[in-house]
Amino acid sequence: MQFVDEVVLEVRAGKGGDGCVAFRREKFLPLGGPSGGDGGKGGDVVFHAHERLTTLLDLHYRRKLKAKNGENGRGKDQYGAAGKDIVQQVPVGTQVYDDETGALIADLDEHDMKIVVAAGGQGGRGNIRFATPYDRAPRRADDGKPGEVRRLRLELKLVADVGLVGFPNVGKSTLIAAVSRAQPKIADYPFTTLVPNLGVASFPDGHGFVIADIPGIIEGAAEGAGLGLRFLRHAERSRVLVHVLSADPDPERDPVSDYDTLMEELRSFSPELAERPMMVALSKSDLPEVRDVADEVTAQLAERGVDAVHVFSAVTRDGLDDLMVAIRRFLTAHPREDAPPEPELPSAEDRPHGDAKGFLEEPPTED
């Protein structure tokens, strides 16, 4: 499925129906008086955040949203029906901006949130509204008001508990594929992942967390290099960032330098993002070269204030369970303000050993 995280579109609310000028002329009502009803209200344009969506693709090809007009009023005191609202579902994490002023209109960061982005016009009053003791046969009515017309820009910032940040080919996609049902593209060349991937890491007790693979971050990403400027904003929604580093044999790469560069890019993009709770994970521990330098990398990162470096292999699953448990404990230590308390995890002595898949729920295989 194509990933779309920014669209510009026009929204047009419905016009209110016109009021009616009419009089009763019935056999037994010789002086029936005015009977023109009011026009109906125009339909609203509503955005509804829903967790089933992960992209703005539905709106990519619909550059206009138009609600129904309200019906005109009719005689015999009949009011016009209100125009039908148009309710457009958008992914959770969608921000709505006025494209002309740049002002933020709404931030739909929770499931089932709704916001009226264009209000329908009010229906006009019929002549029954203007009857007075001095004017018992008014011949005036109001026209319906036009609905709002706005040009909006929608930006999607994925909402995830954990955001994986790292240089290309450090193993982020392999990690998210190993702990969830996500099926990102995996290959041995840079920029394999061109769009963010979301997955859910599940535990046997029914709890879990949403994890996002944020691609395209390289040196200079905050200034627009690579794909970083486009996707760095997705990291802003993550509660915790996990730096995924790699020490595979590449003379041009150094995990400690990569960490410093990533921190500088995060700081350049958003100082607040650089202060986000963070963990560090060293991938590809199945390679002897990585195991040989793991202690040295840990010591160098400790000088930079990193408390622990979690070494793992998503291929052999060595250390993977320990990494996922550490992430969950870290999330528990940094909860959302409205998050319910999570149950205590068993201690390391109580967790099964030997089988790397013993603690994490293994994703079911597809037929």
Protein backbone atom coordinates (compact mmCIF):
# COMPACT_ATOMS: atom_id res chain seq x y z
CA MET A 1 0.00 0.00 0.00
CA GLN A 2 1.29 3.46 -0.86
CA PHE A 3 2.25 5.58 2.14
CA VAL A 4 1.05 9.19 2.01
CA ASP A 5 1.70 11.48 4.98
CA GLU A 6 0.84 14.91 3.56
CA VAL A 7 -2.04 16.15 1.42
CA VAL A 8 -3.62 19.50 0.54
CA LEU A 9 -7.33 19.62 -0.17
CA GLU A 10 -10.33 21.92 -0.30
CA VAL A 11 -13.26 21.35 2.04
CA ARG A 12 -16.61 22.92 1.32
CA ALA A 13 -19.49 22.81 3.78
CA GLY A 14 -23.08 22.80 2.59
CA LYS A 15 -25.11 25.96 2.03
CA GLY A 16 -28.10 26.55 4.26
CA GLY A 17 -31.52 26.20 2.64
CA ASP A 18 -33.54 29.32 1.84
CA GLY A 19 -36.56 30.28 3.90
CA CYS A 20 -39.95 30.08 2.22
CA VAL A 21 -42.66 32.70 1.70
CA ALA A 22 -46.06 30.98 1.72
CA PHE A 23 -49.59 31.47 3.09
CA ARG A 24 -52.32 29.09 4.13
CA ARG A 25 -55.27 29.09 1.76
CA GLU A 26 -57.42 26.26 2.99
CA LYS A 27 -61.18 25.90 2.99
CA PHE A 28 -61.69 26.30 6.70
CA LEU A 29 -58.77 28.66 7.31
CA PRO A 30 -59.65 31.85 5.45
CA LEU A 31 -57.12 33.82 7.49
CA GLY A 32 -54.51 31.05 7.84
CA GLY A 33 -51.64 33.47 7.76
CA PRO A 34 -48.00 32.88 6.79
CA SER A 35 -46.81 29.26 6.55
CA GLY A 36 -43.33 29.41 5.00
CA GLY A 37 -40.86 27.19 6.86
CA ASP A 38 -37.17 27.68 7.56
CA GLY A 39 -34.44 26.28 5.37
CA GLY A 40 -32.32 23.42 6.65
CA LYS A 41 -28.78 23.83 7.90
CA GLY A 42 -25.98 22.93 5.49
CA GLY A 43 -23.91 19.84 6.16
CA ASP A 44 -20.59 20.03 8.02
CA VAL A 45 -17.26 18.56 6.94
CA VAL A 46 -15.95 16.43 9.81
CA PHE A 47 -12.63 14.66 10.28
CA HIS A 48 -12.75 11.49 12.38
CA ALA A 49 -9.51 9.95 13.65
CA HIS A 50 -9.56 6.17 13.40
CA GLU A 51 -6.82 3.71 14.35
CA ARG A 52 -7.52 1.40 11.40
CA LEU A 53 -5.88 3.91 9.04
CA THR A 54 -2.12 4.42 8.82
CA THR A 55 -1.87 6.67 5.75
CA LEU A 56 -3.61 9.61 4.09
CA LEU A 57 -3.90 7.69 0.85
CA ASP A 58 -7.72 7.96 0.83
CA LEU A 59 -7.43 11.74 0.52
CA HIS A 60 -4.51 11.73 -1.90
CA TYR A 61 -6.87 11.33 -4.86
CA ARG A 62 -9.79 13.30 -3.39
CA ARG A 63 -8.73 16.91 -3.54
CA LYS A 64 -12.20 18.23 -2.64
CA LEU A 65 -14.69 17.30 0.07
CA LYS A 66 -18.15 18.80 -0.24
CA ALA A 67 -21.06 18.34 2.15
CA LYS A 68 -24.70 18.46 1.11
CA ASN A 69 -26.73 21.67 1.03
CA GLY A 70 -29.70 22.11 3.33
CA GLU A 71 -33.17 21.88 1.77
CA ASN A 72 -35.25 24.99 1.22
CA GLY A 73 -38.22 25.59 3.45
CA ARG A 74 -41.72 24.84 2.10
CA GLY A 75 -45.27 25.91 2.69
CA LYS A 76 -47.59 24.48 5.35
CA ASP A 77 -44.98 25.14 8.04
CA GLN A 78 -42.58 22.60 6.55
CA TYR A 79 -38.95 23.12 7.47
CA GLY A 80 -36.23 22.02 5.07
CA ALA A 81 -34.10 19.01 6.02
CA ALA A 82 -30.54 19.62 7.15
CA GLY A 83 -27.83 18.73 4.67
CA LYS A 84 -25.94 15.49 5.34
CA ASP A 85 -22.55 15.89 6.98
CA ILE A 86 -19.53 14.36 5.28
CA VAL A 87 -17.43 12.46 7.82
CA GLN A 88 -13.95 11.66 6.54
CA GLN A 89 -11.84 9.18 8.49
CA VAL A 90 -8.15 10.03 8.90
CA PRO A 91 -5.31 8.25 10.71
CA VAL A 92 -4.64 8.90 14.36
CA GLY A 93 -1.84 11.46 14.48
CA THR A 94 -3.17 13.69 11.70
CA GLN A 95 -2.58 17.41 12.12
CA VAL A 96 -4.86 19.80 10.24
CA TYR A 97 -3.46 23.17 9.15
CA ASP A 98 -4.98 26.12 7.32
CA ASP A 99 -2.99 26.07 4.10
CA GLU A 100 -3.22 29.83 3.62
CA THR A 101 -2.21 31.00 7.10
CA GLY A 102 -0.32 27.95 8.34
CA ALA A 103 -2.32 27.96 11.58
CA LEU A 104 -2.89 24.62 13.32
CA ILE A 105 -6.62 23.88 13.37
CA ALA A 106 -6.66 20.48 15.04
CA ASP A 107 -4.35 17.72 16.23
CA LEU A 108 -6.18 14.39 16.01
CA ASP A 109 -3.85 12.39 18.23
CA GLU A 110 -6.41 10.04 19.83
CA HIS A 111 -8.66 7.35 18.45
CA ASP A 112 -12.26 8.43 17.77
CA MET A 113 -11.54 12.15 17.98
CA LYS A 114 -13.77 14.28 15.76
CA ILE A 115 -13.44 17.86 14.59
CA VAL A 116 -15.62 20.03 12.38
CA VAL A 117 -13.23 21.60 9.88
CA ALA A 118 -15.90 23.41 7.85
CA ALA A 119 -19.26 24.38 9.34
CA GLY A 120 -22.41 24.29 7.27
CA GLY A 121 -24.35 27.47 6.62
CA GLN A 122 -27.37 28.34 8.72
CA GLY A 123 -30.76 27.89 7.09
CA GLY A 124 -32.76 31.01 6.21
CA ARG A 125 -35.90 31.94 8.16
CA GLY A 126 -39.30 31.48 6.55
CA ASN A 127 -42.00 34.13 6.66
CA ILE A 128 -43.70 32.52 9.66
CA ARG A 129 -40.77 33.94 11.66
CA PHE A 130 -41.65 37.51 10.72
CA ALA A 131 -45.35 37.60 11.63
CA THR A 132 -46.20 40.32 14.15
CA PRO A 133 -49.43 41.95 15.33
CA TYR A 134 -48.61 44.80 12.97
CA ASP A 135 -47.66 42.65 9.99
CA ARG A 136 -49.74 39.52 9.89
CA ALA A 137 -48.88 38.68 6.28
CA PRO A 138 -45.14 39.21 5.95
CA ARG A 139 -43.72 38.66 2.49
CA ARG A 140 -40.10 38.29 3.44
CA ALA A 141 -37.77 35.39 4.13
CA ASP A 142 -34.04 34.94 4.58
CA ASP A 143 -31.67 33.27 2.18
CA GLY A 144 -29.56 30.45 3.54
CA LYS A 145 -26.02 31.26 4.61
CA PRO A 146 -23.12 29.82 2.59
CA GLY A 147 -21.04 27.09 4.17
CA GLU A 148 -17.40 27.50 5.06
CA VAL A 149 -14.83 26.90 2.35
CA ARG A 150 -11.27 26.22 3.45
CA ARG A 151 -8.05 24.99 1.94
CA LEU A 152 -6.40 22.61 4.37
CA ARG A 153 -3.05 20.89 4.64
CA LEU A 154 -3.00 17.57 6.45
CA GLU A 155 0.21 16.19 7.92
CA LEU A 156 0.44 12.73 9.44
CA LYS A 157 2.75 12.09 12.37
CA LEU A 158 2.59 8.43 13.28
CA VAL A 159 1.67 7.75 16.90
CA ALA A 160 3.90 5.03 18.34
CA ASP A 161 5.19 4.08 21.75
CA VAL A 162 8.66 3.35 20.40
CA GLY A 163 10.45 4.97 17.48
CA LEU A 164 13.46 3.19 15.97
CA VAL A 165 16.02 5.68 14.69
CA GLY A 166 19.28 4.83 13.01
CA PHE A 167 21.28 5.00 9.83
CA PRO A 168 20.27 2.91 6.81
CA ASN A 169 21.06 -0.81 6.98
CA VAL A 170 21.57 -1.04 10.73
CA GLY A 171 18.76 -3.59 11.15
CA LYS A 172 15.68 -1.54 12.07
CA SER A 173 13.43 -3.27 9.55
CA THR A 174 14.72 -6.70 10.51
CA LEU A 175 14.02 -5.89 14.16
CA ILE A 176 10.44 -4.75 13.62
CA ALA A 177 9.78 -7.78 11.40
CA ALA A 178 11.13 -10.10 14.10
CA VAL A 179 8.93 -8.80 16.92
CA SER A 180 5.68 -8.00 15.10
CA ARG A 181 3.58 -8.90 12.09
CA ALA A 182 4.95 -5.99 10.10
CA GLN A 183 6.49 -7.04 6.79
CA PRO A 184 8.88 -4.28 5.74
CA LYS A 185 11.13 -4.61 2.73
CA ILE A 186 14.54 -5.96 3.81
CA ALA A 187 17.63 -5.91 1.61
CA ASP A 188 21.38 -5.29 1.86
CA TYR A 189 21.48 -1.86 0.26
CA PRO A 190 20.86 1.63 1.72
CA PHE A 191 17.39 3.22 1.78
CA THR A 192 15.60 -0.11 1.43
CA THR A 193 12.87 1.32 3.64
CA LEU A 194 11.29 4.35 2.01
CA VAL A 195 8.26 4.71 4.29
CA PRO A 196 7.74 4.31 8.06
CA ASN A 197 6.56 0.89 9.20
CA LEU A 198 4.35 0.25 12.21
CA GLY A 199 4.19 -2.98 14.17
CA VAL A 200 2.87 -4.21 17.51
CA ALA A 201 5.18 -6.16 19.80
CA SER A 202 2.93 -8.49 21.80
CA PHE A 203 3.49 -10.24 25.12
CA PRO A 204 1.76 -13.40 26.40
CA ASP A 205 -0.09 -11.39 29.08
CA GLY A 206 -1.97 -9.51 26.33
CA HIS A 207 0.00 -6.30 26.66
CA GLY A 208 2.29 -4.83 24.08
CA PHE A 209 3.46 -1.62 22.47
CA VAL A 210 3.45 0.02 19.07
CA ILE A 211 6.84 0.27 17.45
CA ALA A 212 7.71 2.43 14.41
CA ASP A 213 10.64 2.06 12.03
CA ILE A 214 11.57 5.62 11.03
CA PRO A 215 13.63 5.53 7.82
CA GLY A 216 15.81 7.90 5.88
CA ILE A 217 17.87 9.53 8.65
CA ILE A 218 21.44 10.33 7.60
CA GLU A 219 23.89 13.13 8.30
CA GLY A 220 22.26 16.40 7.27
CA ALA A 221 18.73 14.98 7.54
CA ALA A 222 17.50 17.98 9.55
CA GLU A 223 18.53 20.22 6.61
CA GLY A 224 16.78 18.03 4.06
CA ALA A 225 19.44 15.46 3.13
CA GLY A 226 18.15 12.02 2.19
CA LEU A 227 14.63 11.36 3.40
CA GLY A 228 15.17 12.54 6.96
CA LEU A 229 13.40 15.88 6.80
CA ARG A 230 10.26 14.15 5.59
CA PHE A 231 10.26 11.42 8.22
CA LEU A 232 11.92 13.00 11.26
CA ARG A 233 8.56 14.46 12.20
CA HIS A 234 7.22 10.94 12.78
CA ALA A 235 9.73 10.59 15.63
CA GLU A 236 8.01 13.48 17.41
CA ARG A 237 5.04 11.25 18.28
CA SER A 238 7.14 8.47 19.80
CA ARG A 239 7.18 8.21 23.55
CA VAL A 240 10.61 6.61 23.59
CA LEU A 241 13.34 6.58 20.95
CA VAL A 242 15.59 3.57 20.46
CA HIS A 243 18.88 4.23 18.70
CA VAL A 244 19.72 1.18 16.62
CA LEU A 245 23.47 1.06 15.95
CA SER A 246 25.50 -1.40 13.95
CA ALA A 247 29.16 -2.38 14.28
CA ASP A 248 29.35 -4.66 11.25
CA PRO A 249 32.68 -4.55 9.37
CA ASP A 250 32.44 -1.31 7.42
CA PRO A 251 35.52 0.93 7.47
CA GLU A 252 33.38 4.02 6.84
CA ARG A 253 31.01 3.39 9.75
CA ASP A 254 31.50 3.65 13.49
CA PRO A 255 28.59 3.07 15.90
CA VAL A 256 29.71 5.75 18.36
CA SER A 257 30.10 8.33 15.59
CA ASP A 258 26.72 7.28 14.24
CA TYR A 259 25.20 7.91 17.67
CA ASP A 260 26.76 11.38 17.86
CA THR A 261 25.51 12.22 14.37
CA LEU A 262 21.99 10.99 15.12
CA MET A 263 21.83 13.06 18.30
CA GLU A 264 22.99 16.14 16.41
CA GLU A 265 20.34 15.61 13.74
CA LEU A 266 17.61 15.17 16.35
CA ARG A 267 18.81 18.29 18.15
CA SER A 268 18.87 20.31 14.93
CA PHE A 269 15.39 19.20 13.98
CA SER A 270 13.86 19.71 17.43
CA PRO A 271 15.63 20.43 20.73
CA GLU A 272 12.70 18.83 22.55
CA LEU A 273 13.12 15.65 20.51
CA ALA A 274 16.75 15.36 21.60
CA GLU A 275 15.55 15.36 25.22
CA ARG A 276 13.10 12.49 24.65
CA PRO A 277 13.70 9.32 26.74
CA MET A 278 16.12 7.15 24.77
CA MET A 279 17.64 3.70 24.70
CA VAL A 280 20.53 2.34 22.65
CA ALA A 281 20.64 -1.08 20.99
CA LEU A 282 23.56 -2.63 19.12
CA SER A 283 22.35 -4.94 16.36
CA LYS A 284 23.80 -7.89 14.43
CA SER A 285 25.34 -9.64 17.44
CA ASP A 286 25.42 -12.83 15.35
CA LEU A 287 28.51 -11.40 13.64
CA PRO A 288 31.84 -12.07 15.43
CA GLU A 289 33.06 -8.55 14.59
CA VAL A 290 30.14 -7.05 16.50
CA ARG A 291 30.66 -9.22 19.57
CA ASP A 292 34.36 -8.29 19.63
CA VAL A 293 33.69 -4.54 19.86
CA ALA A 294 30.46 -4.60 21.92
CA ASP A 295 32.20 -3.90 25.23
CA GLU A 296 34.29 -1.10 23.74
CA VAL A 297 31.22 0.54 22.19
CA THR A 298 29.37 0.26 25.50
CA ALA A 299 32.24 1.93 27.35
CA GLN A 300 32.46 4.80 24.85
CA LEU A 301 28.71 5.42 24.96
CA ALA A 302 28.80 5.35 28.77
CA GLU A 303 31.07 8.41 28.58
CA ARG A 304 28.22 10.12 26.72
CA GLY A 305 25.72 9.32 29.47
CA VAL A 306 24.20 6.15 27.98
CA ASP A 307 23.33 3.88 30.91
CA ALA A 308 23.15 0.61 28.98
CA VAL A 309 23.62 -0.77 25.49
CA HIS A 310 21.41 -3.74 24.61
CA VAL A 311 23.16 -6.10 22.21
CA PHE A 312 20.91 -8.27 20.05
CA SER A 313 20.49 -10.13 16.79
CA ALA A 314 17.12 -10.04 15.03
CA VAL A 315 18.24 -12.93 12.81
CA THR A 316 19.19 -15.45 15.51
CA ARG A 317 16.96 -13.70 18.11
CA ASP A 318 19.88 -13.68 20.52
CA GLY A 319 19.17 -11.00 23.15
CA LEU A 320 15.92 -10.03 21.43
CA ASP A 321 13.64 -11.00 24.31
CA ASP A 322 15.81 -9.09 26.76
CA LEU A 323 15.67 -6.03 24.51
CA MET A 324 11.87 -6.14 24.25
CA VAL A 325 11.49 -6.56 28.02
CA ALA A 326 13.88 -3.68 28.60
CA ILE A 327 11.88 -1.48 26.23
CA ARG A 328 8.65 -2.38 27.99
CA ARG A 329 10.15 -1.59 31.40
CA PHE A 330 11.46 1.70 29.99
CA LEU A 331 8.00 2.56 28.68
CA THR A 332 6.52 1.77 32.10
CA ALA A 333 9.03 4.17 33.64
CA HIS A 334 8.00 6.87 31.14
CA PRO A 335 4.20 6.49 30.81
CA ARG A 336 1.82 8.71 28.94
CA GLU A 337 -0.12 10.99 31.22
CA ASP A 338 -3.40 9.18 30.51
CA ALA A 339 -1.98 5.65 30.29
CA PRO A 340 -3.34 2.97 32.69
CA PRO A 341 -0.74 1.21 34.88
CA GLU A 342 0.82 -1.90 33.38
CA PRO A 343 1.21 -5.16 35.30
CA GLU A 344 4.58 -6.08 36.75
CA LEU A 345 6.80 -8.16 34.50
CA PRO A 346 8.39 -11.33 35.92
CA SER A 347 11.98 -11.07 37.01
CA ALA A 348 14.81 -12.38 34.88
CA GLU A 349 14.98 -15.52 37.05
CA ASP A 350 11.33 -16.30 36.40
CA ARG A 351 11.49 -15.84 32.66
CA PRO A 352 12.25 -18.85 30.46
CA HIS A 353 15.76 -19.19 29.12
CA GLY A 354 17.26 -21.15 26.27
CA ASP A 355 14.47 -20.52 23.80
CA ALA A 356 14.85 -16.98 22.54
CA LYS A 357 11.15 -16.87 21.72
CA GLY A 358 10.08 -18.00 25.17
CA PHE A 359 8.93 -14.66 26.56
CA LEU A 360 7.75 -12.78 23.50
CA GLU A 361 4.70 -14.11 21.77
CA GLU A 362 5.79 -15.54 18.44
CA PRO A 363 3.85 -13.98 15.56
CA PRO A 364 1.70 -16.62 13.87
CA THR A 365 2.92 -17.83 10.52
CA GLU A 366 0.73 -17.13 7.53
CA ASP A 367 -0.52 -19.96 5.33
